[in-house]
C-alpha atoms as a PDB file:
ATOM      1  CA  MET A   1      21.973 -27.499   0.853  1.00  0.00           C
ATOM      2  CA  ARG A   2      23.510 -25.369   3.610  1.00  0.00           C
ATOM      3  CA  THR A   3      23.818 -22.452   1.173  1.00  0.00           C
ATOM      4  CA  TYR A   4      20.129 -22.518   0.263  1.00  0.00           C
ATOM      5  CA  LEU A   5      19.142 -22.880   3.916  1.00  0.00           C
ATOM      6  CA  GLU A   6      21.055 -19.666   4.558  1.00  0.00           C
ATOM      7  CA  PHE A   7      18.902 -17.942   1.920  1.00  0.00           C
ATOM      8  CA  ALA A   8      15.784 -19.079   3.809  1.00  0.00           C
ATOM      9  CA  ILE A   9      17.164 -17.922   7.163  1.00  0.00           C
ATOM     10  CA  LYS A  10      18.180 -14.555   5.716  1.00  0.00           C
ATOM     11  CA  LYS A  11      14.720 -14.034   4.232  1.00  0.00           C
ATOM     12  CA  PHE A  12      13.133 -14.940   7.569  1.00  0.00           C
ATOM     13  CA  GLN A  13      15.327 -12.392   9.344  1.00  0.00           C
ATOM     14  CA  ASN A  14      14.653  -9.677   6.754  1.00  0.00           C
ATOM     15  CA  LYS A  15      10.896 -10.058   7.202  1.00  0.00           C
ATOM     16  CA  MET A  16      11.318  -9.454  10.942  1.00  0.00           C
ATOM     17  CA  THR A  17      12.617  -5.956  10.164  1.00  0.00           C
ATOM     18  CA  TYR A  18       9.189  -4.735   9.066  1.00  0.00           C
ATOM     19  CA  ARG A  19       7.247  -5.365  12.274  1.00  0.00           C
ATOM     20  CA  PHE A  20       4.370  -3.054  11.464  1.00  0.00           C
ATOM     21  CA  ASP A  21       3.797  -4.854   8.167  1.00  0.00           C
ATOM     22  CA  PHE A  22       3.450  -8.291   9.712  1.00  0.00           C
ATOM     23  CA  PHE A  23       1.257  -6.877  12.488  1.00  0.00           C
ATOM     24  CA  MET A  24      -1.102  -5.497   9.868  1.00  0.00           C
ATOM     25  CA  GLU A  25      -1.020  -8.826   8.031  1.00  0.00           C
ATOM     26  CA  ILE A  26      -2.183 -10.554  11.214  1.00  0.00           C
ATOM     27  CA  VAL A  27      -5.046  -8.074  11.526  1.00  0.00           C
ATOM     28  CA  ASN A  28      -5.959  -8.557   7.867  1.00  0.00           C
ATOM     29  CA  THR A  29      -5.957 -12.354   8.231  1.00  0.00           C
ATOM     30  CA  ILE A  30      -8.109 -12.225  11.358  1.00  0.00           C
ATOM     31  CA  ILE A  31     -10.628  -9.831   9.773  1.00  0.00           C
ATOM     32  CA  THR A  32     -10.877 -12.010   6.649  1.00  0.00           C
ATOM     33  CA  ILE A  33     -11.426 -15.161   8.704  1.00  0.00           C
ATOM     34  CA  VAL A  34     -14.026 -13.533  10.973  1.00  0.00           C
ATOM     35  CA  VAL A  35     -16.009 -12.113   8.040  1.00  0.00           C
ATOM     36  CA  TYR A  36     -16.165 -15.420   6.196  1.00  0.00           C
ATOM     37  CA  LEU A  37     -16.980 -17.387   9.357  1.00  0.00           C
ATOM     38  CA  CYS A  38     -19.880 -15.017  10.026  1.00  0.00           C
ATOM     39  CA  ILE A  39     -21.165 -15.708   6.502  1.00  0.00           C
ATOM     40  CA  TYR A  40     -20.875 -19.478   6.944  1.00  0.00           C
ATOM     41  CA  LYS A  41     -22.515 -19.307  10.365  1.00  0.00           C
ATOM     42  CA  ALA A  42     -25.424 -17.335   8.907  1.00  0.00           C
ATOM     43  CA  LEU A  43     -25.797 -19.876   6.102  1.00  0.00           C
ATOM     44  CA  TYR A  44     -25.940 -22.726   8.591  1.00  0.00           C
ATOM     45  CA  GLY A  45     -28.343 -20.873  10.891  1.00  0.00           C
ATOM     46  CA  GLY A  46     -29.370 -23.343  13.567  1.00  0.00           C
ATOM     47  CA  THR A  47     -28.764 -26.365  11.349  1.00  0.00           C
ATOM     48  CA  LYS A  48     -26.518 -28.966  12.951  1.00  0.00           C
ATOM     49  CA  ASP A  49     -25.009 -30.197   9.704  1.00  0.00           C
ATOM     50  CA  ILE A  50     -25.470 -30.185   5.932  1.00  0.00           C
ATOM     51  CA  ASP A  51     -24.978 -33.569   4.273  1.00  0.00           C
ATOM     52  CA  GLY A  52     -22.941 -34.640   7.293  1.00  0.00           C
ATOM     53  CA  ILE A  53     -20.693 -31.572   7.188  1.00  0.00           C
ATOM     54  CA  THR A  54     -20.923 -29.564  10.407  1.00  0.00           C
ATOM     55  CA  TYR A  55     -20.224 -25.864  10.810  1.00  0.00           C
ATOM     56  CA  GLN A  56     -17.190 -26.769  12.943  1.00  0.00           C
ATOM     57  CA  MET A  57     -15.742 -28.774  10.040  1.00  0.00           C
ATOM     58  CA  VAL A  58     -16.336 -25.883   7.641  1.00  0.00           C
ATOM     59  CA  ALA A  59     -14.776 -23.409  10.087  1.00  0.00           C
ATOM     60  CA  THR A  60     -11.750 -25.656  10.564  1.00  0.00           C
ATOM     61  CA  ASN A  61     -11.317 -26.113   6.814  1.00  0.00           C
ATOM     62  CA  PHE A  62     -11.607 -22.398   6.158  1.00  0.00           C
ATOM     63  CA  VAL A  63      -9.263 -21.266   8.935  1.00  0.00           C
ATOM     64  CA  ILE A  64      -6.527 -23.733   7.995  1.00  0.00           C
ATOM     65  CA  SER A  65      -6.888 -23.216   4.233  1.00  0.00           C
ATOM     66  CA  MET A  66      -7.266 -19.435   4.287  1.00  0.00           C
ATOM     67  CA  GLY A  67      -4.600 -19.021   6.953  1.00  0.00           C
ATOM     68  CA  LEU A  68      -2.105 -21.062   4.981  1.00  0.00           C
ATOM     69  CA  SER A  69      -3.007 -19.344   1.699  1.00  0.00           C
ATOM     70  CA  ASN A  70      -2.163 -16.000   3.310  1.00  0.00           C
ATOM     71  CA  ALA A  71       1.032 -17.397   4.811  1.00  0.00           C
ATOM     72  CA  PHE A  72       2.119 -18.937   1.506  1.00  0.00           C
ATOM     73  CA  LYS A  73       1.851 -15.769  -0.568  1.00  0.00           C
ATOM     74  CA  PHE A  74       5.095 -14.710  -2.186  1.00  0.00           C
ATOM     75  CA  ASN A  75       6.337 -12.189  -4.748  1.00  0.00           C
ATOM     76  CA  GLU A  76       5.100 -13.718  -7.989  1.00  0.00           C
ATOM     77  CA  MET A  77       6.494 -10.817 -10.041  1.00  0.00           C
ATOM     78  CA  PHE A  78      10.032 -11.633  -8.916  1.00  0.00           C
ATOM     79  CA  LEU A  79      11.176 -13.354 -12.103  1.00  0.00           C
ATOM     80  CA  GLN A  80       9.428 -10.852 -14.374  1.00  0.00           C
ATOM     81  CA  ASP A  81      11.108  -7.937 -12.583  1.00  0.00           C
ATOM     82  CA  LYS A  82      14.496  -9.622 -12.885  1.00  0.00           C
ATOM     83  CA  ILE A  83      13.971 -10.029 -16.631  1.00  0.00           C
ATOM     84  CA  HIS A  84      12.705  -6.473 -17.167  1.00  0.00           C
ATOM     85  CA  ASP A  85      15.553  -4.741 -15.329  1.00  0.00           C
ATOM     86  CA  GLY A  86      18.181  -7.048 -16.789  1.00  0.00           C
ATOM     87  CA  THR A  87      19.495  -8.320 -13.449  1.00  0.00           C
ATOM     88  CA  ILE A  88      18.526 -11.866 -14.407  1.00  0.00           C
ATOM     89  CA  THR A  89      21.882 -12.101 -16.217  1.00  0.00           C
ATOM     90  CA  ASN A  90      23.713 -11.366 -12.964  1.00  0.00           C
ATOM     91  CA  GLU A  91      21.828 -14.192 -11.273  1.00  0.00           C
ATOM     92  CA  PHE A  92      23.169 -16.681 -13.796  1.00  0.00           C
ATOM     93  CA  LEU A  93      26.733 -15.697 -12.862  1.00  0.00           C
ATOM     94  CA  LYS A  94      26.277 -16.601  -9.189  1.00  0.00           C
ATOM     95  CA  PRO A  95      27.471 -20.048  -8.014  1.00  0.00           C
ATOM     96  CA  VAL A  96      23.974 -21.093  -6.916  1.00  0.00           C
ATOM     97  CA  ASN A  97      20.953 -22.518  -8.692  1.00  0.00           C
ATOM     98  CA  PHE A  98      18.597 -19.593  -9.319  1.00  0.00           C
ATOM     99  CA  THR A  99      15.367 -21.616  -9.020  1.00  0.00           C
ATOM    100  CA  PHE A 100      16.496 -23.279  -5.788  1.00  0.00           C
ATOM    101  CA  ARG A 101      17.407 -19.864  -4.440  1.00  0.00           C
ATOM    102  CA  MET A 102      13.881 -18.605  -5.267  1.00  0.00           C
ATOM    103  CA  LEU A 103      12.342 -21.652  -3.605  1.00  0.00           C
ATOM    104  CA  TRP A 104      14.333 -21.398  -0.395  1.00  0.00           C
ATOM    105  CA  GLU A 105      13.817 -17.656  -0.058  1.00  0.00           C
ATOM    106  CA  ASN A 106      10.068 -18.249  -0.435  1.00  0.00           C
ATOM    107  CA  ILE A 107      10.269 -21.042   2.151  1.00  0.00           C
ATOM    108  CA  GLY A 108      11.937 -18.628   4.564  1.00  0.00           C
ATOM    109  CA  GLU A 109       9.215 -16.042   3.966  1.00  0.00           C
ATOM    110  CA  GLY A 110       6.506 -18.697   4.321  1.00  0.00           C
ATOM    111  CA  ALA A 111       8.002 -19.917   7.599  1.00  0.00           C
ATOM    112  CA  PHE A 112       7.996 -16.360   8.922  1.00  0.00           C
ATOM    113  CA  LYS A 113       4.340 -15.852   7.972  1.00  0.00           C
ATOM    114  CA  ILE A 114       3.309 -19.147   9.572  1.00  0.00           C
ATOM    115  CA  VAL A 115       4.969 -18.189  12.863  1.00  0.00           C
ATOM    116  CA  PHE A 116       3.977 -14.516  12.948  1.00  0.00           C
ATOM    117  CA  ASN A 117       0.765 -14.509  10.895  1.00  0.00           C
ATOM    118  CA  PHE A 118      -0.995 -17.859  10.690  1.00  0.00           C
ATOM    119  CA  ILE A 119      -0.387 -19.080  14.260  1.00  0.00           C
ATOM    120  CA  PRO A 120      -1.523 -15.801  15.953  1.00  0.00           C
ATOM    121  CA  ALA A 121      -4.625 -15.729  13.713  1.00  0.00           C
ATOM    122  CA  LEU A 122      -5.267 -19.399  14.504  1.00  0.00           C
ATOM    123  CA  ILE A 123      -5.031 -18.804  18.258  1.00  0.00           C
ATOM    124  CA  PHE A 124      -7.508 -15.926  17.995  1.00  0.00           C
ATOM    125  CA  THR A 125      -9.895 -18.018  15.911  1.00  0.00           C
ATOM    126  CA  ILE A 126      -9.855 -20.914  18.372  1.00  0.00           C
ATOM    127  CA  PHE A 127     -11.232 -18.571  21.031  1.00  0.00           C
ATOM    128  CA  TYR A 128     -13.627 -16.909  18.595  1.00  0.00           C
ATOM    129  CA  THR A 129     -15.414 -19.916  17.124  1.00  0.00           C
ATOM    130  CA  SER A 130     -15.876 -23.671  17.393  1.00  0.00           C
ATOM    131  CA  PHE A 131     -12.866 -25.468  16.005  1.00  0.00           C
ATOM    132  CA  CYS A 132     -12.383 -29.178  15.444  1.00  0.00           C
ATOM    133  CA  PRO A 133      -9.363 -30.677  17.204  1.00  0.00           C
ATOM    134  CA  PRO A 134      -7.137 -33.020  15.171  1.00  0.00           C
ATOM    135  CA  LYS A 135      -8.343 -36.611  14.935  1.00  0.00           C
ATOM    136  CA  SER A 136      -5.147 -37.700  16.675  1.00  0.00           C
ATOM    137  CA  ILE A 137      -1.571 -36.599  17.254  1.00  0.00           C
ATOM    138  CA  ILE A 138      -0.511 -38.837  14.375  1.00  0.00           C
ATOM    139  CA  ASN A 139      -3.034 -37.149  12.054  1.00  0.00           C
ATOM    140  CA  PHE A 140      -1.727 -33.755  13.113  1.00  0.00           C
ATOM    141  CA  LEU A 141       1.911 -34.670  12.434  1.00  0.00           C
ATOM    142  CA  VAL A 142       1.051 -36.271   9.086  1.00  0.00           C
ATOM    143  CA  MET A 143      -0.937 -33.154   8.203  1.00  0.00           C
ATOM    144  CA  LEU A 144       2.214 -31.056   8.678  1.00  0.00           C
ATOM    145  CA  VAL A 145       4.025 -33.238   6.143  1.00  0.00           C
ATOM    146  CA  SER A 146       1.046 -32.967   3.784  1.00  0.00           C
ATOM    147  CA  ILE A 147       1.051 -29.176   4.160  1.00  0.00           C
ATOM    148  CA  SER A 148       4.712 -29.126   3.114  1.00  0.00           C
ATOM    149  CA  LEU A 149       3.865 -31.165   0.011  1.00  0.00           C
ATOM    150  CA  GLY A 150       0.927 -28.857  -0.712  1.00  0.00           C
ATOM    151  CA  TYR A 151       3.234 -25.869  -0.474  1.00  0.00           C
ATOM    152  CA  LEU A 152       5.593 -27.346  -3.054  1.00  0.00           C
ATOM    153  CA  ILE A 153       2.652 -27.929  -5.407  1.00  0.00           C
ATOM    154  CA  LEU A 154       1.538 -24.314  -5.000  1.00  0.00           C
ATOM    155  CA  TRP A 155       5.077 -22.999  -5.478  1.00  0.00           C
ATOM    156  CA  LEU A 156       5.642 -25.041  -8.636  1.00  0.00           C
ATOM    157  CA  ILE A 157       2.354 -23.822 -10.146  1.00  0.00           C
ATOM    158  CA  SER A 158       3.414 -20.249  -9.399  1.00  0.00           C
ATOM    159  CA  PHE A 159       6.901 -20.792 -10.796  1.00  0.00           C
ATOM    160  CA  ILE A 160       5.523 -22.230 -14.038  1.00  0.00           C
ATOM    161  CA  VAL A 161       3.358 -19.131 -14.486  1.00  0.00           C
ATOM    162  CA  GLN A 162       6.328 -16.882 -13.675  1.00  0.00           C
ATOM    163  CA  THR A 163       8.430 -18.536 -16.388  1.00  0.00           C
ATOM    164  CA  TRP A 164       5.957 -17.220 -18.956  1.00  0.00           C
ATOM    165  CA  SER A 165       7.707 -13.886 -18.367  1.00  0.00           C
ATOM    166  CA  PHE A 166      10.264 -15.087 -20.899  1.00  0.00           C
ATOM    167  CA  TRP A 167       7.601 -14.863 -23.625  1.00  0.00           C
ATOM    168  CA  LEU A 168       5.179 -12.225 -22.277  1.00  0.00           C
ATOM    169  CA  PHE A 169       5.834  -8.617 -21.305  1.00  0.00           C
ATOM    170  CA  SER A 170       3.580  -8.962 -18.244  1.00  0.00           C
ATOM    171  CA  VAL A 171       2.244 -12.047 -16.476  1.00  0.00           C
ATOM    172  CA  TRP A 172       0.195 -10.071 -13.951  1.00  0.00           C
ATOM    173  CA  GLY A 173      -3.130 -10.979 -15.581  1.00  0.00           C
ATOM    174  CA  ILE A 174      -2.255 -14.667 -15.793  1.00  0.00           C
ATOM    175  CA  ILE A 175      -1.138 -14.676 -12.160  1.00  0.00           C
ATOM    176  CA  THR A 176      -4.463 -13.105 -11.153  1.00  0.00           C
ATOM    177  CA  ILE A 177      -6.412 -15.777 -13.051  1.00  0.00           C
ATOM    178  CA  LYS A 178      -4.207 -18.484 -11.525  1.00  0.00           C
ATOM    179  CA  ASN A 179      -4.892 -17.165  -8.021  1.00  0.00           C
ATOM    180  CA  VAL A 180      -8.650 -17.252  -8.657  1.00  0.00           C
ATOM    181  CA  PHE A 181      -8.434 -20.884  -9.739  1.00  0.00           C
ATOM    182  CA  VAL A 182      -6.290 -21.778  -6.728  1.00  0.00           C
ATOM    183  CA  ASN A 183      -8.550 -20.014  -4.215  1.00  0.00           C
ATOM    184  CA  ILE A 184     -11.731 -21.610  -5.544  1.00  0.00           C
ATOM    185  CA  LEU A 185     -10.598 -25.080  -6.608  1.00  0.00           C
ATOM    186  CA  SER A 186      -8.331 -25.677  -3.595  1.00  0.00           C
ATOM    187  CA  GLY A 187     -11.261 -25.255  -1.219  1.00  0.00           C
ATOM    188  CA  SER A 188      -9.769 -22.282   0.627  1.00  0.00           C
ATOM    189  CA  LEU A 189     -12.815 -20.092  -0.066  1.00  0.00           C
ATOM    190  CA  LEU A 190     -15.599 -22.607  -0.723  1.00  0.00           C
ATOM    191  CA  PRO A 191     -15.195 -26.054   0.877  1.00  0.00           C
ATOM    192  CA  ILE A 192     -14.952 -28.727  -1.793  1.00  0.00           C
ATOM    193  CA  TRP A 193     -17.562 -30.716   0.165  1.00  0.00           C
ATOM    194  CA  PHE A 194     -20.258 -28.346  -1.101  1.00  0.00           C
ATOM    195  CA  MET A 195     -19.261 -28.365  -4.750  1.00  0.00           C
ATOM    196  CA  PRO A 196     -21.334 -30.289  -7.331  1.00  0.00           C
ATOM    197  CA  ASP A 197     -20.302 -33.912  -7.826  1.00  0.00           C
ATOM    198  CA  LEU A 198     -19.198 -33.289 -11.405  1.00  0.00           C
ATOM    199  CA  LEU A 199     -16.985 -30.374 -10.370  1.00  0.00           C
ATOM    200  CA  ARG A 200     -15.520 -32.419  -7.513  1.00  0.00           C
ATOM    201  CA  LYS A 201     -14.560 -35.147  -9.959  1.00  0.00           C
ATOM    202  CA  ILE A 202     -12.928 -32.606 -12.248  1.00  0.00           C
ATOM    203  CA  ILE A 203     -11.029 -31.056  -9.327  1.00  0.00           C
ATOM    204  CA  SER A 204      -9.785 -34.498  -8.282  1.00  0.00           C
ATOM    205  CA  PHE A 205      -7.870 -34.660 -11.578  1.00  0.00           C
ATOM    206  CA  THR A 206      -6.117 -31.349 -10.869  1.00  0.00           C
ATOM    207  CA  PRO A 207      -3.367 -30.474  -8.382  1.00  0.00           C
ATOM    208  CA  PHE A 208      -5.533 -27.885  -6.603  1.00  0.00           C
ATOM    209  CA  GLU A 209      -7.252 -30.296  -4.200  1.00  0.00           C
ATOM    210  CA  SER A 210      -3.854 -31.461  -2.961  1.00  0.00           C
ATOM    211  CA  ILE A 211      -2.768 -27.989  -1.851  1.00  0.00           C
ATOM    212  CA  TYR A 212      -5.032 -27.439   1.170  1.00  0.00           C
ATOM    213  CA  PHE A 213      -7.958 -29.860   1.114  1.00  0.00           C
ATOM    214  CA  THR A 214      -5.891 -33.032   1.486  1.00  0.00           C
ATOM    215  CA  PRO A 215      -4.083 -31.738   4.628  1.00  0.00           C
ATOM    216  CA  VAL A 216      -7.426 -30.606   6.105  1.00  0.00           C
ATOM    217  CA  ARG A 217      -9.033 -34.005   5.480  1.00  0.00           C
ATOM    218  CA  ILE A 218      -6.080 -35.709   7.166  1.00  0.00           C
ATOM    219  CA  TYR A 219      -6.409 -33.339  10.137  1.00  0.00           C
ATOM    220  CA  LEU A 220     -10.134 -34.049  10.498  1.00  0.00           C
ATOM    221  CA  GLY A 221      -9.682 -37.794  10.130  1.00  0.00           C
ATOM    222  CA  GLU A 222     -11.632 -38.015   6.865  1.00  0.00           C
ATOM    223  CA  LEU A 223      -8.579 -39.755   5.466  1.00  0.00           C
ATOM    224  CA  SER A 224      -6.978 -42.569   7.422  1.00  0.00           C
ATOM    225  CA  GLY A 225      -4.673 -45.497   6.805  1.00  0.00           C
ATOM    226  CA  ARG A 226      -4.363 -46.277   3.117  1.00  0.00           C
ATOM    227  CA  ASP A 227      -6.395 -43.213   2.189  1.00  0.00           C
ATOM    228  CA  ILE A 228      -3.744 -40.991   3.786  1.00  0.00           C
ATOM    229  CA  LEU A 229      -0.993 -42.798   1.890  1.00  0.00           C
ATOM    230  CA  SER A 230      -3.020 -42.497  -1.316  1.00  0.00           C
ATOM    231  CA  GLY A 231      -3.646 -38.776  -0.766  1.00  0.00           C
ATOM    232  CA  MET A 232       0.031 -38.052  -0.093  1.00  0.00           C
ATOM    233  CA  ALA A 233       1.108 -40.240  -3.015  1.00  0.00           C
ATOM    234  CA  ILE A 234      -1.072 -38.063  -5.263  1.00  0.00           C
ATOM    235  CA  GLN A 235       0.617 -34.971  -3.818  1.00  0.00           C
ATOM    236  CA  ILE A 236       4.069 -36.407  -4.539  1.00  0.00           C
ATOM    237  CA  LEU A 237       2.962 -37.378  -8.054  1.00  0.00           C
ATOM    238  CA  TRP A 238       1.800 -33.835  -8.753  1.00  0.00           C
ATOM    239  CA  ILE A 239       5.085 -32.440  -7.422  1.00  0.00           C
ATOM    240  CA  ALA A 240       6.988 -34.697  -9.828  1.00  0.00           C
ATOM    241  CA  VAL A 241       4.777 -33.760 -12.807  1.00  0.00           C
ATOM    242  CA  LEU A 242       4.864 -30.037 -12.074  1.00  0.00           C
ATOM    243  CA  ALA A 243       8.631 -30.114 -11.465  1.00  0.00           C
ATOM    244  CA  ILE A 244       9.153 -31.646 -14.909  1.00  0.00           C
ATOM    245  CA  VAL A 245       6.884 -29.051 -16.543  1.00  0.00           C
ATOM    246  CA  ALA A 246       8.601 -26.227 -14.635  1.00  0.00           C
ATOM    247  CA  ASN A 247      12.028 -27.466 -15.714  1.00  0.00           C
ATOM    248  CA  VAL A 248      10.964 -27.616 -19.377  1.00  0.00           C
ATOM    249  CA  PHE A 249       9.551 -24.070 -19.308  1.00  0.00           C
ATOM    250  CA  TRP A 250      12.616 -22.773 -17.467  1.00  0.00           C
ATOM    251  CA  LYS A 251      15.141 -24.262 -19.892  1.00  0.00           C
ATOM    252  CA  LYS A 252      13.217 -23.119 -22.963  1.00  0.00           C
ATOM    253  CA  GLY A 253      12.740 -19.668 -21.435  1.00  0.00           C
ATOM    254  CA  VAL A 254      16.430 -19.233 -20.598  1.00  0.00           C
ATOM    255  CA  LYS A 255      17.335 -20.078 -24.210  1.00  0.00           C
ATOM    256  CA  LYS A 256      14.853 -17.476 -25.445  1.00  0.00           C
ATOM    257  CA  LEU A 257      15.892 -14.818 -22.908  1.00  0.00           C
ATOM    258  CA  VAL A 258      16.015 -11.280 -24.261  1.00  0.00           C
ATOM    259  CA  VAL A 259      17.102  -8.742 -21.646  1.00  0.00           C
ATOM    260  CA  GLN A 260      14.977  -5.598 -21.886  1.00  0.00           C
ATOM    261  CA  GLY A 261      16.863  -3.473 -19.408  1.00  0.00           C
ATOM    262  CA  GLY A 262      20.005  -3.346 -17.305  1.00  0.00           C
END
């Protein structure tokens, strides 16, 4: 475990080298949040709430979800590039698990973006608009655990799509479609509260709701007690299912590997 933690730390340190890049990412995140909050505020007008959902709840959901989605972006062409240039074979010779290495490097990058992207954008937003405080300290701490589980779900979905590089020349189009599904069905762009009942039921049978919406609901106190345990149990279940699927694709892909470069 110490070895993989070093990969995360190294990635965190490498990201600090490009200070202008992460400064611009902060600006981009803030601009995106402000634009969407202006749209939501205009839609609400002077209305106090819509079906019990206040503007403050929508703003809180959007800032947390969108902020985390920006922080949790990683190089999804990594595996494809390794296959195309032939360096994937070198990775198999190293005394570390390649998938774990990918995961921990992405965790290091995600940690950097949370500290130097999400938190600064969050602080700005708190002063810019109304923002719901956490239901309690306990809810806030549990939300952090739920966010970690949501991250693993998102990473596993991405990894599964990346493994298709073993069979396809380019997975860029599939990754783009996947990102659209994640952005919409996770509630990061449009709060799931406002989606039609039928669509909400369909989403509840997918892993997307567990990525951002479950942590937000815990933060706001919409989930409490057994509901929190149930929500996190669903997250853990999806992690287990996706991990199995990812492992199957990975093993089959490695057996089929045809190096195209190197």
